[in-house]
Amino acid sequence: MTRRRDIGTDDPRVRVRPGRGSRPRTKQRPAHNDAVIGTVIRIDRGHYRIRLADPSLTEDGTGDITAMKARELGRGRVVVGDRVGLVGDISGRRDTRARMVRVEERRTLLRRSAEDGDAAGSQKPVVANADLLVIVVAVADPAPRPRMIDRYLVAAYDAGMEPLIVLTKTDLADAAPLTELYSPLGVRCLATRLHPHNPETGPSQADDERPDDGVEAVRQVLDGTVSVLVGHSGVGKSTLINALVPGADRATGHVNEVTGRGRHTSTSLQALELPGGGWVIDTPGVRSFGVSHVGSADILRGFPDLARVAEDCPRGCTHEEGVVDCALDEWASTADGPDASGASAAREERRARVESFRRLLAPSLEAEDPTRP
C-alpha cells in the first residue's frame, strides 16, 4: 500500500511539486589542461591585469588582458606576481574578460603580518615570484628607521628573496653609518642622490650635464630580475621608479616638515617592465611591516653559514643572546687566522655577524612574547 505524502491539508485539489533530490555538489573541478599561462601585473577592485606568457595570443600583440577570478580560488588568494592559468576570451579586446582558474606554484612569496585589531598575527601575501626585495631608505628627510629595515630583511629571508638596500638623498647626509650597520649581514647597499623635486636630477637638465645620481648602478642590478620596492612613505620609491622606468609617471610627494613623515603616493601594487628586461613592482608606503609569522628557523635561511652552526644547538634554541649552550656563541669566539691579528679580525667579523643576526630576531621574538624586555 502506497502511503500518501502528508501535505498539511486534506483537500485533494492542492497539488505539491515533487521534492528536489539531495544529490551533493561534486568537489571535483575541471583540470583546465588547456589554460593559458599569464602573470598578474596589477589588481584593481577585483579586476586583474595579466601579461600573457605568449603575447601573440592577444589581438594587439601586447599580451595584456583583463581577467576575473574564478570563485573557487577564494578571497585574497591571488597577488601581483602570481603566474595563473586562464580560460575564456584571451584576445584582449575591449570589454572582454578571461577567467583565472588556478594559481601556479610560487617560487617565492613575500608576506606581512597584521599587528593591530582582531586580525593581529594573521598573514597577508604581498607579492609572489620576485627575486629581489629592494628596501628604499632615505639617509635624511625622513630619518632612517633601522628597526623597520630589519623587519624588511626578516621578510626577505622568510620569502626566499635576496635583499638590496637603496639609499636615497645621500646629498643630504652621510650614507656610511647605514652601510656599516648592514655590511656584517652581507646586504648590498647602493647610494643614490635621488629625492623628490631635486633640482639636481630634475628634467630641466640635459643628460650630459646631470651629475651621477647613482641610478645606473641600481638599474644594472635590477635588469633581468623581478624586484619589489618597499619602504615607508617619503623615502623616494616613486622617484626611483620614474628614474628606472621612463614614462612610469608614478606620483611623488614630499615630507611633512612638522611630523617628519611622508605622504602616501603609491596606492596600489603595480608591476612595471624595465627597459633592460625584468620587472619592478612598486608597493604603497607603509608605516609598519609585521613579521610575527617568521620564526628563527625562517630567518636562518638567509644565513647558510650560521644555519650550519645552529645544527649543534640544543633543541628549541632561540639563538638569542644569553641562551645557554647556543652554538653561535662558541663559533663566534673560535675563529682562526694566519696570525694573532688575523684571528682577532676573524673573530670580530664573526661576532658582528652573529650580533646582526640576533638583531633581526628581535621583531619575531617580541611578537611571540610582548612582555620580553
Protein backbone atom coordinates (compact mmCIF):
# COMPACT_ATOMS: atom_id res chain seq x y z
CA MET A 1 0.00 0.00 0.00
CA THR A 2 1.42 3.37 -1.03
CA ARG A 3 1.43 5.92 1.76
CA ARG A 4 0.12 9.31 0.83
CA ARG A 5 2.50 12.18 1.45
CA ASP A 6 1.41 14.48 4.27
CA ILE A 7 0.92 17.89 2.69
CA GLY A 8 -0.74 19.52 5.67
CA THR A 9 -4.22 19.55 4.10
CA ASP A 10 -6.95 17.07 3.21
CA ASP A 11 -8.01 19.00 0.12
CA PRO A 12 -7.19 16.77 -2.91
CA ARG A 13 -7.16 19.85 -5.16
CA VAL A 14 -3.93 21.05 -3.56
CA ARG A 15 -1.03 19.84 -5.66
CA VAL A 16 2.50 19.65 -4.30
CA ARG A 17 5.54 19.66 -6.55
CA PRO A 18 7.85 16.71 -6.04
CA GLY A 19 10.78 17.44 -3.74
CA ARG A 20 14.21 18.10 -5.21
CA GLY A 21 16.84 15.47 -4.92
CA SER A 22 19.55 15.76 -2.30
CA ARG A 23 22.41 14.99 -4.65
CA PRO A 24 25.54 16.61 -3.13
CA ARG A 25 27.64 19.03 -5.17
CA THR A 26 30.73 17.41 -6.54
CA LYS A 27 34.10 18.63 -5.23
CA GLN A 28 35.79 17.71 -8.47
CA ARG A 29 36.84 20.66 -10.58
CA PRO A 30 37.85 20.74 -14.23
CA ALA A 31 41.60 20.33 -14.73
CA HIS A 32 41.69 23.11 -17.35
CA ASN A 33 44.65 21.50 -19.07
CA ASP A 34 44.19 23.93 -21.95
CA ALA A 35 44.53 27.02 -19.72
CA VAL A 36 46.83 29.78 -20.98
CA ILE A 37 49.55 30.99 -18.60
CA GLY A 38 49.97 34.64 -17.66
CA THR A 39 51.40 36.81 -14.85
CA VAL A 40 49.37 39.18 -12.68
CA ILE A 41 50.83 42.69 -13.03
CA ARG A 42 48.11 44.72 -11.32
CA ILE A 43 44.99 44.24 -9.20
CA ASP A 44 42.32 46.92 -9.11
CA ARG A 45 38.96 46.39 -7.36
CA GLY A 46 38.51 42.79 -8.37
CA HIS A 47 39.91 43.22 -11.88
CA TYR A 48 43.22 41.56 -12.65
CA ARG A 49 45.58 42.87 -15.30
CA ILE A 50 47.52 39.97 -16.80
CA ARG A 51 50.56 39.76 -19.09
CA LEU A 52 50.35 36.55 -21.11
CA ALA A 53 53.46 34.40 -21.46
CA ASP A 54 52.75 34.37 -25.23
CA PRO A 55 51.91 37.98 -26.25
CA SER A 56 50.95 36.90 -29.78
CA LEU A 57 47.72 35.43 -28.41
CA THR A 58 46.25 38.92 -27.99
CA GLU A 59 44.91 40.93 -30.92
CA ASP A 60 47.24 43.87 -30.35
CA GLY A 61 50.30 41.72 -29.63
CA THR A 62 50.98 43.30 -26.22
CA GLY A 63 49.95 40.23 -24.25
CA ASP A 64 47.95 42.36 -21.80
CA ILE A 65 44.43 41.26 -20.91
CA THR A 66 41.93 41.77 -18.08
CA ALA A 67 40.62 38.78 -16.13
CA MET A 68 38.20 37.93 -13.37
CA LYS A 69 38.91 35.36 -10.68
CA ALA A 70 37.06 32.05 -10.51
CA ARG A 71 35.06 31.70 -7.30
CA GLU A 72 36.88 28.56 -6.22
CA LEU A 73 40.18 30.47 -5.91
CA GLY A 74 38.85 32.24 -2.83
CA ARG A 75 39.36 35.72 -1.50
CA GLY A 76 42.89 37.12 -1.32
CA ARG A 77 44.43 34.06 -2.94
CA VAL A 78 45.88 35.89 -5.95
CA VAL A 79 48.59 38.57 -5.66
CA VAL A 80 50.73 40.60 -8.04
CA GLY A 81 53.47 38.40 -9.47
CA ASP A 82 51.40 35.23 -9.45
CA ARG A 83 51.53 33.03 -12.53
CA VAL A 84 47.97 31.98 -13.27
CA GLY A 85 46.04 29.73 -15.65
CA LEU A 86 43.36 31.45 -17.76
CA VAL A 87 40.42 30.27 -19.84
CA GLY A 88 37.81 32.10 -21.86
CA ASP A 89 38.40 35.15 -24.05
CA ILE A 90 42.13 35.99 -24.04
CA SER A 91 42.03 38.23 -27.10
CA GLY A 92 42.43 41.38 -25.04
CA ARG A 93 39.62 43.10 -26.93
CA ARG A 94 37.80 45.88 -25.16
CA ASP A 95 35.06 44.77 -22.76
CA THR A 96 36.24 41.16 -22.80
CA ARG A 97 37.23 39.18 -19.74
CA ALA A 98 39.21 35.99 -19.29
CA ARG A 99 38.78 33.86 -16.17
CA MET A 100 41.57 32.82 -13.81
CA VAL A 101 41.08 29.19 -12.82
CA ARG A 102 44.28 28.31 -10.98
CA VAL A 103 47.45 29.73 -9.42
CA GLU A 104 50.72 28.09 -10.43
CA GLU A 105 53.28 27.03 -7.82
CA ARG A 106 55.17 30.03 -6.42
CA ARG A 107 58.96 30.34 -6.29
CA THR A 108 58.89 32.99 -3.57
CA LEU A 109 56.19 34.71 -1.54
CA LEU A 110 56.63 37.98 0.35
CA ARG A 111 54.27 38.11 3.34
CA ARG A 112 53.48 40.52 6.15
CA SER A 113 51.60 40.10 9.44
CA ALA A 114 48.80 42.28 10.74
CA GLU A 115 49.78 43.92 14.04
CA ASP A 116 46.58 45.60 15.21
CA GLY A 117 42.90 44.79 15.73
CA ASP A 118 41.15 41.46 15.50
CA ALA A 119 43.36 40.37 12.60
CA ALA A 120 46.60 40.77 14.59
CA GLY A 121 49.00 37.94 13.79
CA SER A 122 47.26 36.91 10.58
CA GLN A 123 49.37 36.67 7.45
CA LYS A 124 48.81 38.59 4.24
CA PRO A 125 50.55 37.67 0.98
CA VAL A 126 52.02 40.71 -0.74
CA VAL A 127 53.94 39.70 -3.88
CA ALA A 128 54.77 36.34 -5.47
CA ASN A 129 57.69 35.09 -7.57
CA ALA A 130 60.02 38.06 -7.02
CA ASP A 131 63.81 37.71 -6.85
CA LEU A 132 64.91 40.88 -5.06
CA LEU A 133 63.45 42.85 -2.16
CA VAL A 134 64.67 46.41 -2.71
CA ILE A 135 64.49 48.31 0.58
CA VAL A 136 64.47 52.03 -0.23
CA VAL A 137 65.81 54.14 2.65
CA ALA A 138 66.37 57.89 2.86
CA VAL A 139 69.51 58.84 4.80
CA ALA A 140 67.67 62.02 5.85
CA ASP A 141 64.29 63.74 5.46
CA PRO A 142 62.79 61.46 6.78
CA ALA A 143 65.37 59.96 9.12
CA PRO A 144 66.16 56.25 8.56
CA ARG A 145 64.40 53.68 10.74
CA PRO A 146 66.73 50.70 11.28
CA ARG A 147 64.06 48.65 13.08
CA MET A 148 61.85 48.96 10.00
CA ILE A 149 64.76 47.97 7.75
CA ASP A 150 65.37 44.94 9.97
CA ARG A 151 61.76 43.85 9.55
CA TYR A 152 62.03 44.08 5.78
CA LEU A 153 65.19 41.96 5.90
CA VAL A 154 63.40 39.36 8.02
CA ALA A 155 60.55 39.27 5.48
CA ALA A 156 63.06 38.85 2.62
CA TYR A 157 64.79 35.88 4.26
CA ASP A 158 61.42 34.29 5.05
CA ALA A 159 60.31 34.74 1.43
CA GLY A 160 63.49 33.31 -0.05
CA MET A 161 64.32 36.64 -1.70
CA GLU A 162 67.66 38.45 -1.87
CA PRO A 163 67.61 41.83 -0.08
CA LEU A 164 69.11 45.01 -1.52
CA ILE A 165 69.20 48.39 0.24
CA VAL A 166 68.99 51.50 -1.94
CA LEU A 167 69.89 54.68 -0.08
CA THR A 168 68.34 57.91 -1.36
CA LYS A 169 69.05 61.60 -0.68
CA THR A 170 72.72 60.90 0.01
CA ASP A 171 73.50 64.51 -0.86
CA LEU A 172 71.80 65.46 2.44
CA ALA A 173 73.70 63.19 4.87
CA ASP A 174 76.45 60.57 5.10
CA ALA A 175 75.41 57.08 3.98
CA ALA A 176 78.36 55.34 5.71
CA PRO A 177 76.63 54.63 9.08
CA LEU A 178 73.84 52.66 7.41
CA THR A 179 76.23 50.87 5.07
CA GLU A 180 78.41 49.82 8.02
CA LEU A 181 75.39 48.68 10.02
CA TYR A 182 74.28 46.19 7.36
CA SER A 183 77.62 45.09 5.91
CA PRO A 184 78.02 42.26 8.53
CA LEU A 185 74.80 40.76 7.15
CA GLY A 186 76.24 40.71 3.66
CA VAL A 187 73.46 43.02 2.43
CA ARG A 188 74.47 45.15 -0.53
CA CYS A 189 73.84 48.90 -0.20
CA LEU A 190 73.70 51.26 -3.20
CA ALA A 191 73.77 55.03 -2.72
CA THR A 192 71.76 57.46 -4.87
CA ARG A 193 71.22 61.21 -4.79
CA LEU A 194 67.56 60.90 -5.70
CA HIS A 195 64.80 62.67 -3.83
CA PRO A 196 61.51 64.24 -4.98
CA HIS A 197 61.74 67.66 -6.62
CA ASN A 198 65.54 67.61 -6.51
CA PRO A 199 66.70 70.29 -8.98
CA GLU A 200 69.98 68.42 -9.50
CA THR A 201 68.17 65.49 -11.06
CA GLY A 202 65.20 67.32 -12.48
CA PRO A 203 64.19 67.03 -16.13
CA SER A 204 65.34 70.58 -16.90
CA GLN A 205 68.98 69.48 -17.14
CA ALA A 206 70.45 67.79 -20.18
CA ASP A 207 71.61 64.21 -19.68
CA ASP A 208 75.25 65.12 -20.36
CA GLU A 209 75.12 67.87 -17.71
CA ARG A 210 73.33 65.90 -14.98
CA PRO A 211 75.61 64.63 -12.17
CA ASP A 212 75.82 60.92 -11.44
CA ASP A 213 72.77 60.21 -9.28
CA GLY A 214 73.52 56.50 -8.71
CA VAL A 215 70.52 55.24 -10.68
CA GLU A 216 72.61 53.43 -13.29
CA ALA A 217 74.18 51.20 -10.64
CA VAL A 218 70.71 50.29 -9.37
CA ARG A 219 69.48 49.63 -12.90
CA GLN A 220 72.33 47.21 -13.60
CA VAL A 221 71.41 45.13 -10.54
CA LEU A 222 67.68 45.11 -11.29
CA ASP A 223 67.81 44.40 -15.03
CA GLY A 224 66.60 40.90 -15.85
CA THR A 225 65.11 40.29 -12.40
CA VAL A 226 61.72 40.67 -10.73
CA SER A 227 62.16 43.20 -7.93
CA VAL A 228 59.84 44.59 -5.24
CA LEU A 229 60.39 48.10 -3.90
CA VAL A 230 59.41 48.66 -0.27
CA GLY A 231 59.91 51.48 2.19
CA HIS A 232 57.95 53.88 4.34
CA SER A 233 56.39 57.00 2.89
CA GLY A 234 58.62 59.83 1.70
CA VAL A 235 61.81 57.87 1.07
CA GLY A 236 61.65 58.25 -2.71
CA LYS A 237 60.32 54.93 -4.03
CA SER A 238 58.19 56.57 -6.71
CA THR A 239 61.05 58.86 -7.72
CA LEU A 240 63.31 55.83 -8.14
CA ILE A 241 60.64 54.03 -10.18
CA ASN A 242 60.30 57.03 -12.50
CA ALA A 243 64.07 57.12 -12.98
CA LEU A 244 64.22 53.40 -13.77
CA VAL A 245 61.14 53.17 -15.98
CA PRO A 246 60.69 56.05 -18.44
CA GLY A 247 57.04 57.00 -18.73
CA ALA A 248 56.03 55.34 -15.45
CA ASP A 249 54.74 58.67 -14.11
CA ARG A 250 54.37 57.45 -10.55
CA ALA A 251 53.18 60.32 -8.35
CA THR A 252 55.82 61.73 -6.00
CA GLY A 253 55.28 63.52 -2.71
CA HIS A 254 57.13 65.39 -0.02
CA VAL A 255 57.87 65.01 3.67
CA ASN A 256 55.79 66.97 6.19
CA GLU A 257 58.14 69.37 7.96
CA VAL A 258 56.19 69.10 11.22
CA THR A 259 55.72 65.32 11.55
CA GLY A 260 58.76 64.22 9.53
CA ARG A 261 56.56 61.73 7.70
CA GLY A 262 55.96 61.31 4.02
CA ARG A 263 52.64 61.28 2.23
CA HIS A 264 51.41 58.03 0.64
CA THR A 265 51.69 58.50 -3.13
CA SER A 266 51.55 54.89 -4.37
CA THR A 267 48.14 53.47 -3.53
CA SER A 268 48.31 50.08 -5.24
CA LEU A 269 50.80 47.42 -6.25
CA GLN A 270 51.81 47.53 -9.87
CA ALA A 271 54.45 45.66 -11.86
CA LEU A 272 56.30 47.80 -14.40
CA GLU A 273 58.53 46.41 -17.14
CA LEU A 274 62.15 47.55 -17.10
CA PRO A 275 63.64 48.71 -20.43
CA GLY A 276 66.54 46.27 -19.99
CA GLY A 277 64.29 43.32 -19.19
CA GLY A 278 62.70 42.20 -15.97
CA TRP A 279 60.06 43.82 -13.79
CA VAL A 280 59.97 46.21 -10.86
CA ILE A 281 56.95 46.18 -8.53
CA ASP A 282 56.06 49.34 -6.67
CA THR A 283 54.25 48.99 -3.33
CA PRO A 284 52.36 51.56 -1.26
CA GLY A 285 54.37 53.21 1.51
CA VAL A 286 53.69 51.74 4.94
CA ARG A 287 54.48 52.80 8.50
CA SER A 288 54.72 49.24 9.86
CA PHE A 289 55.50 45.80 8.49
CA GLY A 290 54.60 42.89 10.76
CA VAL A 291 56.78 39.77 10.78
CA SER A 292 55.25 37.83 13.68
CA HIS A 293 54.75 34.88 11.33
CA VAL A 294 58.51 34.46 10.92
CA GLY A 295 60.47 32.25 13.32
CA SER A 296 64.21 31.97 13.95
CA ALA A 297 64.46 28.97 11.61
CA ASP A 298 62.95 31.06 8.79
CA ILE A 299 65.48 33.85 9.34
CA LEU A 300 68.36 31.36 9.41
CA ARG A 301 67.60 30.51 5.78
CA GLY A 302 69.21 33.82 4.89
CA PHE A 303 72.43 32.84 6.71
CA PRO A 304 73.64 29.47 5.39
CA ASP A 305 76.88 29.67 7.43
CA LEU A 306 75.00 30.29 10.69
CA ALA A 307 72.40 27.66 9.84
CA ARG A 308 75.14 25.01 9.66
CA VAL A 309 76.50 26.12 13.04
CA ALA A 310 73.00 26.17 14.58
CA GLU A 311 72.60 22.45 13.85
CA ASP A 312 74.67 21.88 17.01
CA CYS A 313 72.35 24.00 19.18
CA PRO A 314 70.06 22.35 21.77
CA ARG A 315 66.57 21.52 20.56
CA GLY A 316 64.29 24.56 20.70
CA CYS A 317 67.17 27.04 20.90
CA THR A 318 66.02 30.57 20.04
CA HIS A 319 69.62 31.67 19.28
CA GLU A 320 69.15 34.93 21.17
CA GLU A 321 71.89 36.40 23.33
CA GLY A 322 72.30 34.74 26.71
CA VAL A 323 70.72 31.39 25.78
CA VAL A 324 72.66 28.53 27.36
CA ASP A 325 74.72 26.32 25.01
CA CYS A 326 73.85 28.25 21.84
CA ALA A 327 76.42 27.06 19.28
CA LEU A 328 76.62 30.51 17.71
CA ASP A 329 78.49 31.86 20.75
CA GLU A 330 81.24 29.26 20.53
CA TRP A 331 81.51 29.74 16.75
CA ALA A 332 81.91 33.50 17.16
CA SER A 333 84.77 33.12 19.65
CA THR A 334 86.85 30.43 17.94
CA ALA A 335 87.81 31.87 14.57
CA ASP A 336 91.32 31.13 13.28
CA GLY A 337 93.69 33.26 11.26
CA PRO A 338 97.22 33.27 9.79
CA ASP A 339 98.46 35.10 12.92
CA ALA A 340 97.16 36.65 16.12
CA SER A 341 95.90 39.80 14.45
CA GLY A 342 94.25 37.79 11.67
CA ALA A 343 92.49 35.54 14.16
CA SER A 344 91.30 38.57 16.13
CA ALA A 345 89.90 40.16 12.97
CA ALA A 346 88.14 36.91 12.03
CA ARG A 347 86.58 36.63 15.48
CA GLU A 348 85.41 40.22 15.32
CA GLU A 349 83.83 39.58 11.93
CA ARG A 350 82.02 36.50 13.25
CA ARG A 351 80.81 38.34 16.35
CA ALA A 352 79.45 41.19 14.21
CA ARG A 353 77.59 38.73 12.01
CA VAL A 354 76.04 36.89 14.97
CA GLU A 355 75.06 40.18 16.65
CA SER A 356 73.43 41.38 13.42
CA PHE A 357 71.55 38.10 13.04
CA ARG A 358 70.31 38.36 16.62
CA ARG A 359 69.15 41.89 16.00
CA LEU A 360 66.93 40.59 13.21
CA LEU A 361 65.45 38.02 15.60
CA ALA A 362 64.05 40.80 17.81
CA PRO A 363 60.80 41.51 15.89
CA SER A 364 59.81 37.83 15.83
CA LEU A 365 60.71 37.26 19.50
CA GLU A 366 58.76 40.37 20.51
CA ALA A 367 55.69 39.13 18.61
CA GLU A 368 55.92 35.72 20.32
CA ASP A 369 56.20 37.34 23.77
CA PRO A 370 55.22 41.05 24.01
CA THR A 371 56.45 41.15 27.64
CA ARG A 372 60.00 40.33 26.55
CA PRO A 373 62.37 43.19 27.53
